Structure formats: C-alpha cells, structure tokens
Amino acid sequence: GNELKELLFKAYLTDGEDVNNKETLTKLGIQIGLDAKAVAE
C-alpha cells in the first residue's frame, strides 16, 4: 500500500498522469509488483 500510494501521488502531482485511467493504474500496479491479472480484475 505504501509503495502504490507514493507512485499515485507522484503520478498526479509530479508527472501529470491521469490516476483515473485504467492503463495508468495498471502500469503503476505492475510497477510495485502486483499481478497484472489481479490488477485487471
């Protein structure tokens, strides 16, 4: 949770990414080590 929270804050406030976008959320979830299928579900 802490790892994803950090990436979400950075995505919105620093990198200008859409944190409501499924592709963005999938990328961030996989980046911290979540299973892609679990994220998609």
PDB file of all heavy atoms in Angstrom:
ATOM      1  N   GLY A   1       0.796  -1.207   0.000  1.00  0.00           N
ATOM      2  CA  GLY A   1       0.000   0.000   0.000  1.00  0.00           C
ATOM      3  C   GLY A   1       0.835   1.267   0.000  1.00  0.00           C
ATOM      4  O   GLY A   1       0.534   2.218  -0.728  1.00  0.00           O
ATOM      5  N   ASN A   2       1.880   1.292   0.808  1.00  0.00           N
ATOM      6  CA  ASN A   2       2.713   2.498   0.884  1.00  0.00           C
ATOM      7  C   ASN A   2       3.429   2.762  -0.437  1.00  0.00           C
ATOM      8  O   ASN A   2       3.573   3.903  -0.875  1.00  0.00           O
ATOM      9  CB  ASN A   2       3.731   2.361   2.014  1.00  0.00           C
ATOM     10  CG  ASN A   2       4.236   3.704   2.494  1.00  0.00           C
ATOM     11  OD1 ASN A   2       3.461   4.590   2.833  1.00  0.00           O
ATOM     12  ND2 ASN A   2       5.550   3.867   2.522  1.00  0.00           N
ATOM     13  N   GLU A   3       3.867   1.690  -1.086  1.00  0.00           N
ATOM     14  CA  GLU A   3       4.563   1.827  -2.365  1.00  0.00           C
ATOM     15  C   GLU A   3       3.624   2.383  -3.444  1.00  0.00           C
ATOM     16  O   GLU A   3       4.006   3.272  -4.220  1.00  0.00           O
ATOM     17  CB  GLU A   3       5.122   0.477  -2.819  1.00  0.00           C
ATOM     18  CG  GLU A   3       6.318  -0.012  -2.009  1.00  0.00           C
ATOM     19  CD  GLU A   3       5.939  -0.640  -0.675  1.00  0.00           C
ATOM     20  OE1 GLU A   3       4.717  -0.675  -0.351  1.00  0.00           O
ATOM     21  OE2 GLU A   3       6.838  -1.089   0.062  1.00  0.00           O
ATOM     22  N   LEU A   4       2.390   1.868  -3.486  1.00  0.00           N
ATOM     23  CA  LEU A   4       1.455   2.355  -4.500  1.00  0.00           C
ATOM     24  C   LEU A   4       1.022   3.786  -4.200  1.00  0.00           C
ATOM     25  O   LEU A   4       0.885   4.606  -5.112  1.00  0.00           O
ATOM     26  CB  LEU A   4       0.228   1.447  -4.584  1.00  0.00           C
ATOM     27  CG  LEU A   4      -0.793   1.834  -5.665  1.00  0.00           C
ATOM     28  CD1 LEU A   4      -0.145   1.860  -7.047  1.00  0.00           C
ATOM     29  CD2 LEU A   4      -1.986   0.882  -5.651  1.00  0.00           C
ATOM     30  N   LYS A   5       0.829   4.098  -2.927  1.00  0.00           N
ATOM     31  CA  LYS A   5       0.428   5.457  -2.566  1.00  0.00           C
ATOM     32  C   LYS A   5       1.461   6.468  -3.046  1.00  0.00           C
ATOM     33  O   LYS A   5       1.126   7.518  -3.586  1.00  0.00           O
ATOM     34  CB  LYS A   5       0.263   5.562  -1.055  1.00  0.00           C
ATOM     35  CG  LYS A   5      -0.455   6.824  -0.606  1.00  0.00           C
ATOM     36  CD  LYS A   5      -1.937   6.759  -0.906  1.00  0.00           C
ATOM     37  CE  LYS A   5      -2.686   7.926  -0.311  1.00  0.00           C
ATOM     38  NZ  LYS A   5      -4.138   7.808  -0.475  1.00  0.00           N
ATOM     39  N   GLU A   6       2.734   6.154  -2.866  1.00  0.00           N
ATOM     40  CA  GLU A   6       3.805   7.038  -3.309  1.00  0.00           C
ATOM     41  C   GLU A   6       3.736   7.261  -4.820  1.00  0.00           C
ATOM     42  O   GLU A   6       3.835   8.398  -5.306  1.00  0.00           O
ATOM     43  CB  GLU A   6       5.161   6.454  -2.929  1.00  0.00           C
ATOM     44  CG  GLU A   6       6.364   7.236  -3.417  1.00  0.00           C
ATOM     45  CD  GLU A   6       6.550   8.572  -2.712  1.00  0.00           C
ATOM     46  OE1 GLU A   6       6.054   8.726  -1.583  1.00  0.00           O
ATOM     47  OE2 GLU A   6       7.198   9.467  -3.291  1.00  0.00           O
ATOM     48  N   LEU A   7       3.556   6.180  -5.575  1.00  0.00           N
ATOM     49  CA  LEU A   7       3.517   6.304  -7.033  1.00  0.00           C
ATOM     50  C   LEU A   7       2.283   7.070  -7.507  1.00  0.00           C
ATOM     51  O   LEU A   7       2.350   7.813  -8.489  1.00  0.00           O
ATOM     52  CB  LEU A   7       3.545   4.918  -7.681  1.00  0.00           C
ATOM     53  CG  LEU A   7       4.847   4.126  -7.558  1.00  0.00           C
ATOM     54  CD1 LEU A   7       4.780   2.868  -8.422  1.00  0.00           C
ATOM     55  CD2 LEU A   7       6.048   4.966  -7.963  1.00  0.00           C
ATOM     56  N   LEU A   8       1.175   6.904  -6.813  1.00  0.00           N
ATOM     57  CA  LEU A   8      -0.038   7.622  -7.188  1.00  0.00           C
ATOM     58  C   LEU A   8       0.108   9.125  -6.953  1.00  0.00           C
ATOM     59  O   LEU A   8      -0.272   9.939  -7.800  1.00  0.00           O
ATOM     60  CB  LEU A   8      -1.241   7.079  -6.408  1.00  0.00           C
ATOM     61  CG  LEU A   8      -1.760   5.712  -6.857  1.00  0.00           C
ATOM     62  CD1 LEU A   8      -2.724   5.143  -5.826  1.00  0.00           C
ATOM     63  CD2 LEU A   8      -2.444   5.812  -8.220  1.00  0.00           C
ATOM     64  N   PHE A   9       0.655   9.489  -5.802  1.00  0.00           N
ATOM     65  CA  PHE A   9       0.910  10.904  -5.534  1.00  0.00           C
ATOM     66  C   PHE A   9       1.834  11.496  -6.604  1.00  0.00           C
ATOM     67  O   PHE A   9       1.578  12.575  -7.136  1.00  0.00           O
ATOM     68  CB  PHE A   9       1.566  11.075  -4.167  1.00  0.00           C
ATOM     69  CG  PHE A   9       0.607  11.087  -3.010  1.00  0.00           C
ATOM     70  CD1 PHE A   9       0.912  10.404  -1.841  1.00  0.00           C
ATOM     71  CD2 PHE A   9      -0.580  11.804  -3.062  1.00  0.00           C
ATOM     72  CE1 PHE A   9       0.053  10.427  -0.751  1.00  0.00           C
ATOM     73  CE2 PHE A   9      -1.450  11.827  -1.979  1.00  0.00           C
ATOM     74  CZ  PHE A   9      -1.127  11.133  -0.817  1.00  0.00           C
ATOM     75  N   LYS A  10       2.891  10.783  -6.882  1.00  0.00           N
ATOM     76  CA  LYS A  10       3.870  11.266  -7.856  1.00  0.00           C
ATOM     77  C   LYS A  10       3.242  11.372  -9.249  1.00  0.00           C
ATOM     78  O   LYS A  10       3.486  12.342  -9.987  1.00  0.00           O
ATOM     79  CB  LYS A  10       5.089  10.349  -7.898  1.00  0.00           C
ATOM     80  CG  LYS A  10       6.220  10.826  -8.806  1.00  0.00           C
ATOM     81  CD  LYS A  10       7.431   9.905  -8.683  1.00  0.00           C
ATOM     82  CE  LYS A  10       8.584  10.422  -9.547  1.00  0.00           C
ATOM     83  NZ  LYS A  10       8.286  10.353 -10.979  1.00  0.00           N
ATOM     84  N   ALA A  11       2.429  10.382  -9.591  1.00  0.00           N
ATOM     85  CA  ALA A  11       1.785  10.391 -10.906  1.00  0.00           C
ATOM     86  C   ALA A  11       0.922  11.630 -11.084  1.00  0.00           C
ATOM     87  O   ALA A  11       0.958  12.286 -12.134  1.00  0.00           O
ATOM     88  CB  ALA A  11       0.952   9.127 -11.084  1.00  0.00           C
ATOM     89  N   TYR A  12       0.149  11.969 -10.063  1.00  0.00           N
ATOM     90  CA  TYR A  12      -0.760  13.106 -10.182  1.00  0.00           C
ATOM     91  C   TYR A  12      -0.056  14.445 -10.002  1.00  0.00           C
ATOM     92  O   TYR A  12      -0.212  15.359 -10.824  1.00  0.00           O
ATOM     93  CB  TYR A  12      -1.886  12.977  -9.147  1.00  0.00           C
ATOM     94  CG  TYR A  12      -2.748  14.207  -9.037  1.00  0.00           C
ATOM     95  CD1 TYR A  12      -3.418  14.723 -10.150  1.00  0.00           C
ATOM     96  CD2 TYR A  12      -2.891  14.871  -7.822  1.00  0.00           C
ATOM     97  CE1 TYR A  12      -4.199  15.861 -10.057  1.00  0.00           C
ATOM     98  CE2 TYR A  12      -3.671  16.015  -7.725  1.00  0.00           C
ATOM     99  CZ  TYR A  12      -4.325  16.507  -8.829  1.00  0.00           C
ATOM    100  OH  TYR A  12      -5.092  17.647  -8.744  1.00  0.00           O
ATOM    101  N   LEU A  13       0.728  14.577  -8.945  1.00  0.00           N
ATOM    102  CA  LEU A  13       1.261  15.881  -8.558  1.00  0.00           C
ATOM    103  C   LEU A  13       2.586  16.235  -9.227  1.00  0.00           C
ATOM    104  O   LEU A  13       2.940  17.412  -9.316  1.00  0.00           O
ATOM    105  CB  LEU A  13       1.433  15.936  -7.038  1.00  0.00           C
ATOM    106  CG  LEU A  13       0.109  15.966  -6.259  1.00  0.00           C
ATOM    107  CD1 LEU A  13       0.339  15.606  -4.798  1.00  0.00           C
ATOM    108  CD2 LEU A  13      -0.555  17.321  -6.386  1.00  0.00           C
ATOM    109  N   THR A  14       3.301  15.232  -9.711  1.00  0.00           N
ATOM    110  CA  THR A  14       4.610  15.496 -10.319  1.00  0.00           C
ATOM    111  C   THR A  14       4.617  15.214 -11.816  1.00  0.00           C
ATOM    112  O   THR A  14       5.089  16.032 -12.610  1.00  0.00           O
ATOM    113  CB  THR A  14       5.705  14.654  -9.634  1.00  0.00           C
ATOM    114  OG1 THR A  14       5.717  14.945  -8.230  1.00  0.00           O
ATOM    115  CG2 THR A  14       7.081  14.961 -10.223  1.00  0.00           C
ATOM    116  N   ASP A  15       4.079  14.061 -12.201  1.00  0.00           N
ATOM    117  CA  ASP A  15       4.241  13.601 -13.581  1.00  0.00           C
ATOM    118  C   ASP A  15       3.078  13.956 -14.503  1.00  0.00           C
ATOM    119  O   ASP A  15       3.170  13.726 -15.720  1.00  0.00           O
ATOM    120  CB  ASP A  15       4.455  12.086 -13.598  1.00  0.00           C
ATOM    121  CG  ASP A  15       5.717  11.674 -12.857  1.00  0.00           C
ATOM    122  OD1 ASP A  15       6.636  12.506 -12.767  1.00  0.00           O
ATOM    123  OD2 ASP A  15       5.777  10.529 -12.355  1.00  0.00           O
ATOM    124  N   GLY A  16       1.993  14.465 -13.957  1.00  0.00           N
ATOM    125  CA  GLY A  16       0.866  14.857 -14.803  1.00  0.00           C
ATOM    126  C   GLY A  16       0.148  13.688 -15.442  1.00  0.00           C
ATOM    127  O   GLY A  16      -0.326  13.787 -16.582  1.00  0.00           O
ATOM    128  N   GLU A  17       0.018  12.574 -14.725  1.00  0.00           N
ATOM    129  CA  GLU A  17      -0.686  11.405 -15.257  1.00  0.00           C
ATOM    130  C   GLU A  17      -2.115  11.360 -14.728  1.00  0.00           C
ATOM    131  O   GLU A  17      -2.420  11.876 -13.654  1.00  0.00           O
ATOM    132  CB  GLU A  17       0.061  10.128 -14.886  1.00  0.00           C
ATOM    133  CG  GLU A  17       1.459  10.034 -15.490  1.00  0.00           C
ATOM    134  CD  GLU A  17       2.077   8.666 -15.274  1.00  0.00           C
ATOM    135  OE1 GLU A  17       1.645   7.709 -15.951  1.00  0.00           O
ATOM    136  OE2 GLU A  17       2.978   8.557 -14.425  1.00  0.00           O
ATOM    137  N   ASP A  18      -2.974  10.697 -15.482  1.00  0.00           N
ATOM    138  CA  ASP A  18      -4.387  10.565 -15.122  1.00  0.00           C
ATOM    139  C   ASP A  18      -4.556   9.355 -14.209  1.00  0.00           C
ATOM    140  O   ASP A  18      -4.497   8.209 -14.673  1.00  0.00           O
ATOM    141  CB  ASP A  18      -5.231  10.408 -16.394  1.00  0.00           C
ATOM    142  CG  ASP A  18      -6.719  10.334 -16.094  1.00  0.00           C
ATOM    143  OD1 ASP A  18      -7.103  10.320 -14.918  1.00  0.00           O
ATOM    144  OD2 ASP A  18      -7.506  10.273 -17.069  1.00  0.00           O
ATOM    145  N   VAL A  19      -4.790   9.595 -12.919  1.00  0.00           N
ATOM    146  CA  VAL A  19      -4.885   8.486 -11.961  1.00  0.00           C
ATOM    147  C   VAL A  19      -6.272   7.852 -11.961  1.00  0.00           C
ATOM    148  O   VAL A  19      -6.554   6.981 -11.131  1.00  0.00           O
ATOM    149  CB  VAL A  19      -4.498   8.942 -10.538  1.00  0.00           C
ATOM    150  CG1 VAL A  19      -3.033   9.357 -10.487  1.00  0.00           C
ATOM    151  CG2 VAL A  19      -5.393  10.071 -10.061  1.00  0.00           C
ATOM    152  N   ASN A  20      -7.128   8.268 -12.889  1.00  0.00           N
ATOM    153  CA  ASN A  20      -8.407   7.591 -13.093  1.00  0.00           C
ATOM    154  C   ASN A  20      -8.366   6.698 -14.331  1.00  0.00           C
ATOM    155  O   ASN A  20      -9.322   5.997 -14.632  1.00  0.00           O
ATOM    156  CB  ASN A  20      -9.535   8.620 -13.227  1.00  0.00           C
ATOM    157  CG  ASN A  20     -10.911   7.994 -13.249  1.00  0.00           C
ATOM    158  OD1 ASN A  20     -11.209   7.109 -12.454  1.00  0.00           O
ATOM    159  ND2 ASN A  20     -11.766   8.447 -14.153  1.00  0.00           N
ATOM    160  N   ASN A  21      -7.243   6.725 -15.027  1.00  0.00           N
ATOM    161  CA  ASN A  21      -7.088   5.974 -16.265  1.00  0.00           C
ATOM    162  C   ASN A  21      -6.640   4.537 -15.969  1.00  0.00           C
ATOM    163  O   ASN A  21      -5.675   4.331 -15.221  1.00  0.00           O
ATOM    164  CB  ASN A  21      -6.059   6.679 -17.151  1.00  0.00           C
ATOM    165  CG  ASN A  21      -5.823   5.958 -18.457  1.00  0.00           C
ATOM    166  OD1 ASN A  21      -4.985   5.072 -18.524  1.00  0.00           O
ATOM    167  ND2 ASN A  21      -6.552   6.345 -19.494  1.00  0.00           N
ATOM    168  N   LYS A  22      -7.316   3.558 -16.551  1.00  0.00           N
ATOM    169  CA  LYS A  22      -7.006   2.157 -16.256  1.00  0.00           C
ATOM    170  C   LYS A  22      -5.591   1.784 -16.679  1.00  0.00           C
ATOM    171  O   LYS A  22      -4.903   1.015 -15.992  1.00  0.00           O
ATOM    172  CB  LYS A  22      -8.024   1.232 -16.931  1.00  0.00           C
ATOM    173  CG  LYS A  22      -9.403   1.270 -16.303  1.00  0.00           C
ATOM    174  CD  LYS A  22     -10.339   0.278 -16.970  1.00  0.00           C
ATOM    175  CE  LYS A  22     -11.715   0.310 -16.319  1.00  0.00           C
ATOM    176  NZ  LYS A  22     -12.657  -0.658 -16.965  1.00  0.00           N
ATOM    177  N   GLU A  23      -5.142   2.303 -17.809  1.00  0.00           N
ATOM    178  CA  GLU A  23      -3.785   1.985 -18.268  1.00  0.00           C
ATOM    179  C   GLU A  23      -2.745   2.534 -17.296  1.00  0.00           C
ATOM    180  O   GLU A  23      -1.747   1.863 -16.988  1.00  0.00           O
ATOM    181  CB  GLU A  23      -3.562   2.551 -19.668  1.00  0.00           C
ATOM    182  CG  GLU A  23      -4.363   1.855 -20.752  1.00  0.00           C
ATOM    183  CD  GLU A  23      -4.053   2.395 -22.135  1.00  0.00           C
ATOM    184  OE1 GLU A  23      -3.163   3.270 -22.248  1.00  0.00           O
ATOM    185  OE2 GLU A  23      -4.694   1.940 -23.104  1.00  0.00           O
ATOM    186  N   THR A  24      -2.967   3.744 -16.813  1.00  0.00           N
ATOM    187  CA  THR A  24      -2.045   4.330 -15.839  1.00  0.00           C
ATOM    188  C   THR A  24      -2.035   3.521 -14.557  1.00  0.00           C
ATOM    189  O   THR A  24      -0.959   3.192 -14.021  1.00  0.00           O
ATOM    190  CB  THR A  24      -2.460   5.784 -15.522  1.00  0.00           C
ATOM    191  OG1 THR A  24      -2.397   6.565 -16.705  1.00  0.00           O
ATOM    192  CG2 THR A  24      -1.541   6.385 -14.464  1.00  0.00           C
ATOM    193  N   LEU A  25      -3.207   3.171 -14.055  1.00  0.00           N
ATOM    194  CA  LEU A  25      -3.291   2.403 -12.816  1.00  0.00           C
ATOM    195  C   LEU A  25      -2.687   1.012 -12.981  1.00  0.00           C
ATOM    196  O   LEU A  25      -2.017   0.507 -12.070  1.00  0.00           O
ATOM    197  CB  LEU A  25      -4.747   2.301 -12.364  1.00  0.00           C
ATOM    198  CG  LEU A  25      -5.389   3.619 -11.917  1.00  0.00           C
ATOM    199  CD1 LEU A  25      -6.878   3.419 -11.635  1.00  0.00           C
ATOM    200  CD2 LEU A  25      -4.686   4.173 -10.685  1.00  0.00           C
ATOM    201  N   THR A  26      -2.902   0.408 -14.126  1.00  0.00           N
ATOM    202  CA  THR A  26      -2.309  -0.910 -14.385  1.00  0.00           C
ATOM    203  C   THR A  26      -0.794  -0.819 -14.381  1.00  0.00           C
ATOM    204  O   THR A  26      -0.107  -1.652 -13.763  1.00  0.00           O
ATOM    205  CB  THR A  26      -2.790  -1.459 -15.739  1.00  0.00           C
ATOM    206  OG1 THR A  26      -4.213  -1.609 -15.706  1.00  0.00           O
ATOM    207  CG2 THR A  26      -2.140  -2.801 -16.038  1.00  0.00           C
ATOM    208  N   LYS A  27      -0.264   0.190 -15.031  1.00  0.00           N
ATOM    209  CA  LYS A  27       1.186   0.383 -15.073  1.00  0.00           C
ATOM    210  C   LYS A  27       1.757   0.552 -13.677  1.00  0.00           C
ATOM    211  O   LYS A  27       2.769  -0.086 -13.321  1.00  0.00           O
ATOM    212  CB  LYS A  27       1.514   1.615 -15.911  1.00  0.00           C
ATOM    213  CG  LYS A  27       3.013   1.945 -15.985  1.00  0.00           C
ATOM    214  CD  LYS A  27       3.261   3.314 -16.592  1.00  0.00           C
ATOM    215  CE  LYS A  27       2.823   4.418 -15.652  1.00  0.00           C
ATOM    216  NZ  LYS A  27       3.179   5.770 -16.158  1.00  0.00           N
ATOM    217  N   LEU A  28       1.117   1.366 -12.864  1.00  0.00           N
ATOM    218  CA  LEU A  28       1.614   1.617 -11.508  1.00  0.00           C
ATOM    219  C   LEU A  28       1.502   0.366 -10.636  1.00  0.00           C
ATOM    220  O   LEU A  28       2.395   0.074  -9.837  1.00  0.00           O
ATOM    221  CB  LEU A  28       0.848   2.779 -10.878  1.00  0.00           C
ATOM    222  CG  LEU A  28       0.978   4.133 -11.573  1.00  0.00           C
ATOM    223  CD1 LEU A  28       0.164   5.194 -10.835  1.00  0.00           C
ATOM    224  CD2 LEU A  28       2.432   4.565 -11.673  1.00  0.00           C
ATOM    225  N   GLY A  29       0.403  -0.366 -10.799  1.00  0.00           N
ATOM    226  CA  GLY A  29       0.229  -1.591 -10.021  1.00  0.00           C
ATOM    227  C   GLY A  29       1.293  -2.621 -10.336  1.00  0.00           C
ATOM    228  O   GLY A  29       1.879  -3.232  -9.435  1.00  0.00           O
ATOM    229  N   ILE A  30       1.557  -2.820 -11.624  1.00  0.00           N
ATOM    230  CA  ILE A  30       2.589  -3.775 -12.035  1.00  0.00           C
ATOM    231  C   ILE A  30       3.962  -3.297 -11.581  1.00  0.00           C
ATOM    232  O   ILE A  30       4.814  -4.099 -11.191  1.00  0.00           O
ATOM    233  CB  ILE A  30       2.546  -3.976 -13.559  1.00  0.00           C
ATOM    234  CG1 ILE A  30       1.238  -4.674 -13.958  1.00  0.00           C
ATOM    235  CG2 ILE A  30       3.748  -4.776 -14.046  1.00  0.00           C
ATOM    236  CD1 ILE A  30       1.031  -4.760 -15.462  1.00  0.00           C
ATOM    237  N   GLN A  31       4.167  -1.981 -11.603  1.00  0.00           N
ATOM    238  CA  GLN A  31       5.475  -1.415 -11.217  1.00  0.00           C
ATOM    239  C   GLN A  31       5.845  -1.753  -9.780  1.00  0.00           C
ATOM    240  O   GLN A  31       7.023  -1.958  -9.465  1.00  0.00           O
ATOM    241  CB  GLN A  31       5.456   0.107 -11.407  1.00  0.00           C
ATOM    242  CG  GLN A  31       6.805   0.775 -11.213  1.00  0.00           C
ATOM    243  CD  GLN A  31       6.780   2.254 -11.572  1.00  0.00           C
ATOM    244  OE1 GLN A  31       5.954   2.690 -12.372  1.00  0.00           O
ATOM    245  NE2 GLN A  31       7.667   3.020 -10.986  1.00  0.00           N
ATOM    246  N   ILE A  32       4.852  -1.842  -8.891  1.00  0.00           N
ATOM    247  CA  ILE A  32       5.168  -2.169  -7.493  1.00  0.00           C
ATOM    248  C   ILE A  32       5.164  -3.668  -7.227  1.00  0.00           C
ATOM    249  O   ILE A  32       5.453  -4.103  -6.113  1.00  0.00           O
ATOM    250  CB  ILE A  32       4.197  -1.475  -6.522  1.00  0.00           C
ATOM    251  CG1 ILE A  32       2.772  -1.983  -6.729  1.00  0.00           C
ATOM    252  CG2 ILE A  32       4.291   0.032  -6.638  1.00  0.00           C
ATOM    253  CD1 ILE A  32       1.823  -1.619  -5.609  1.00  0.00           C
ATOM    254  N   GLY A  33       4.806  -4.459  -8.262  1.00  0.00           N
ATOM    255  CA  GLY A  33       4.884  -5.905  -8.107  1.00  0.00           C
ATOM    256  C   GLY A  33       3.557  -6.620  -8.022  1.00  0.00           C
ATOM    257  O   GLY A  33       3.528  -7.828  -7.750  1.00  0.00           O
ATOM    258  N   LEU A  34       2.453  -5.928  -8.266  1.00  0.00           N
ATOM    259  CA  LEU A  34       1.162  -6.603  -8.271  1.00  0.00           C
ATOM    260  C   LEU A  34       0.996  -7.429  -9.539  1.00  0.00           C
ATOM    261  O   LEU A  34       1.527  -7.075 -10.596  1.00  0.00           O
ATOM    262  CB  LEU A  34       0.025  -5.586  -8.178  1.00  0.00           C
ATOM    263  CG  LEU A  34      -0.113  -4.814  -6.857  1.00  0.00           C
ATOM    264  CD1 LEU A  34      -1.222  -3.781  -6.978  1.00  0.00           C
ATOM    265  CD2 LEU A  34      -0.389  -5.759  -5.700  1.00  0.00           C
ATOM    266  N   ASP A  35       0.249  -8.511  -9.430  1.00  0.00           N
ATOM    267  CA  ASP A  35      -0.016  -9.366 -10.583  1.00  0.00           C
ATOM    268  C   ASP A  35      -0.938  -8.659 -11.566  1.00  0.00           C
ATOM    269  O   ASP A  35      -1.963  -8.076 -11.172  1.00  0.00           O
ATOM    270  CB  ASP A  35      -0.665 -10.669 -10.103  1.00  0.00           C
ATOM    271  CG  ASP A  35      -1.001 -11.589 -11.259  1.00  0.00           C
ATOM    272  OD1 ASP A  35      -0.079 -12.181 -11.830  1.00  0.00           O
ATOM    273  OD2 ASP A  35      -2.201 -11.685 -11.586  1.00  0.00           O
ATOM    274  N   ALA A  36      -0.577  -8.687 -12.837  1.00  0.00           N
ATOM    275  CA  ALA A  36      -1.333  -7.971 -13.861  1.00  0.00           C
ATOM    276  C   ALA A  36      -2.782  -8.444 -13.925  1.00  0.00           C
ATOM    277  O   ALA A  36      -3.707  -7.632 -14.108  1.00  0.00           O
ATOM    278  CB  ALA A  36      -0.659  -8.131 -15.217  1.00  0.00           C
ATOM    279  N   LYS A  37      -3.007  -9.746 -13.792  1.00  0.00           N
ATOM    280  CA  LYS A  37      -4.368 -10.275 -13.848  1.00  0.00           C
ATOM    281  C   LYS A  37      -5.187  -9.794 -12.657  1.00  0.00           C
ATOM    282  O   LYS A  37      -6.377  -9.471 -12.788  1.00  0.00           O
ATOM    283  CB  LYS A  37      -4.343 -11.800 -13.900  1.00  0.00           C
ATOM    284  CG  LYS A  37      -3.812 -12.366 -15.205  1.00  0.00           C
ATOM    285  CD  LYS A  37      -3.890 -13.883 -15.214  1.00  0.00           C
ATOM    286  CE  LYS A  37      -3.389 -14.445 -16.544  1.00  0.00           C
ATOM    287  NZ  LYS A  37      -3.442 -15.934 -16.558  1.00  0.00           N
ATOM    288  N   ALA A  38      -4.558  -9.744 -11.489  1.00  0.00           N
ATOM    289  CA  ALA A  38      -5.252  -9.275 -10.292  1.00  0.00           C
ATOM    290  C   ALA A  38      -5.613  -7.800 -10.422  1.00  0.00           C
ATOM    291  O   ALA A  38      -6.700  -7.374 -10.025  1.00  0.00           O
ATOM    292  CB  ALA A  38      -4.386  -9.503  -9.062  1.00  0.00           C
ATOM    293  N   VAL A  39      -4.710  -7.011 -10.990  1.00  0.00           N
ATOM    294  CA  VAL A  39      -4.984  -5.593 -11.212  1.00  0.00           C
ATOM    295  C   VAL A  39      -6.148  -5.418 -12.187  1.00  0.00           C
ATOM    296  O   VAL A  39      -7.064  -4.622 -11.948  1.00  0.00           O
ATOM    297  CB  VAL A  39      -3.723  -4.874 -11.753  1.00  0.00           C
ATOM    298  CG1 VAL A  39      -4.070  -3.452 -12.194  1.00  0.00           C
ATOM    299  CG2 VAL A  39      -2.623  -4.853 -10.697  1.00  0.00           C
ATOM    300  N   ALA A  40      -6.123  -6.182 -13.272  1.00  0.00           N
ATOM    301  CA  ALA A  40      -7.192  -6.096 -14.271  1.00  0.00           C
ATOM    302  C   ALA A  40      -8.534  -6.486 -13.670  1.00  0.00           C
ATOM    303  O   ALA A  40      -9.567  -5.858 -13.969  1.00  0.00           O
ATOM    304  CB  ALA A  40      -6.857  -6.995 -15.462  1.00  0.00           C
ATOM    305  N   GLU A  41      -8.538  -7.494 -12.833  1.00  0.00           N
ATOM    306  CA  GLU A  41      -9.786  -7.935 -12.211  1.00  0.00           C
ATOM    307  C   GLU A  41     -10.375  -6.824 -11.351  1.00  0.00           C
ATOM    308  O   GLU A  41     -11.597  -6.618 -11.341  1.00  0.00           O
ATOM    309  CB  GLU A  41      -9.541  -9.185 -11.369  1.00  0.00           C
ATOM    310  CG  GLU A  41     -10.806  -9.739 -10.742  1.00  0.00           C
ATOM    311  CD  GLU A  41     -10.566 -11.029  -9.974  1.00  0.00           C
ATOM    312  OE1 GLU A  41      -9.450 -11.577 -10.061  1.00  0.00           O
ATOM    313  OE2 GLU A  41     -11.498 -11.474  -9.293  1.00  0.00           O
TER     314      GLU A  41
END
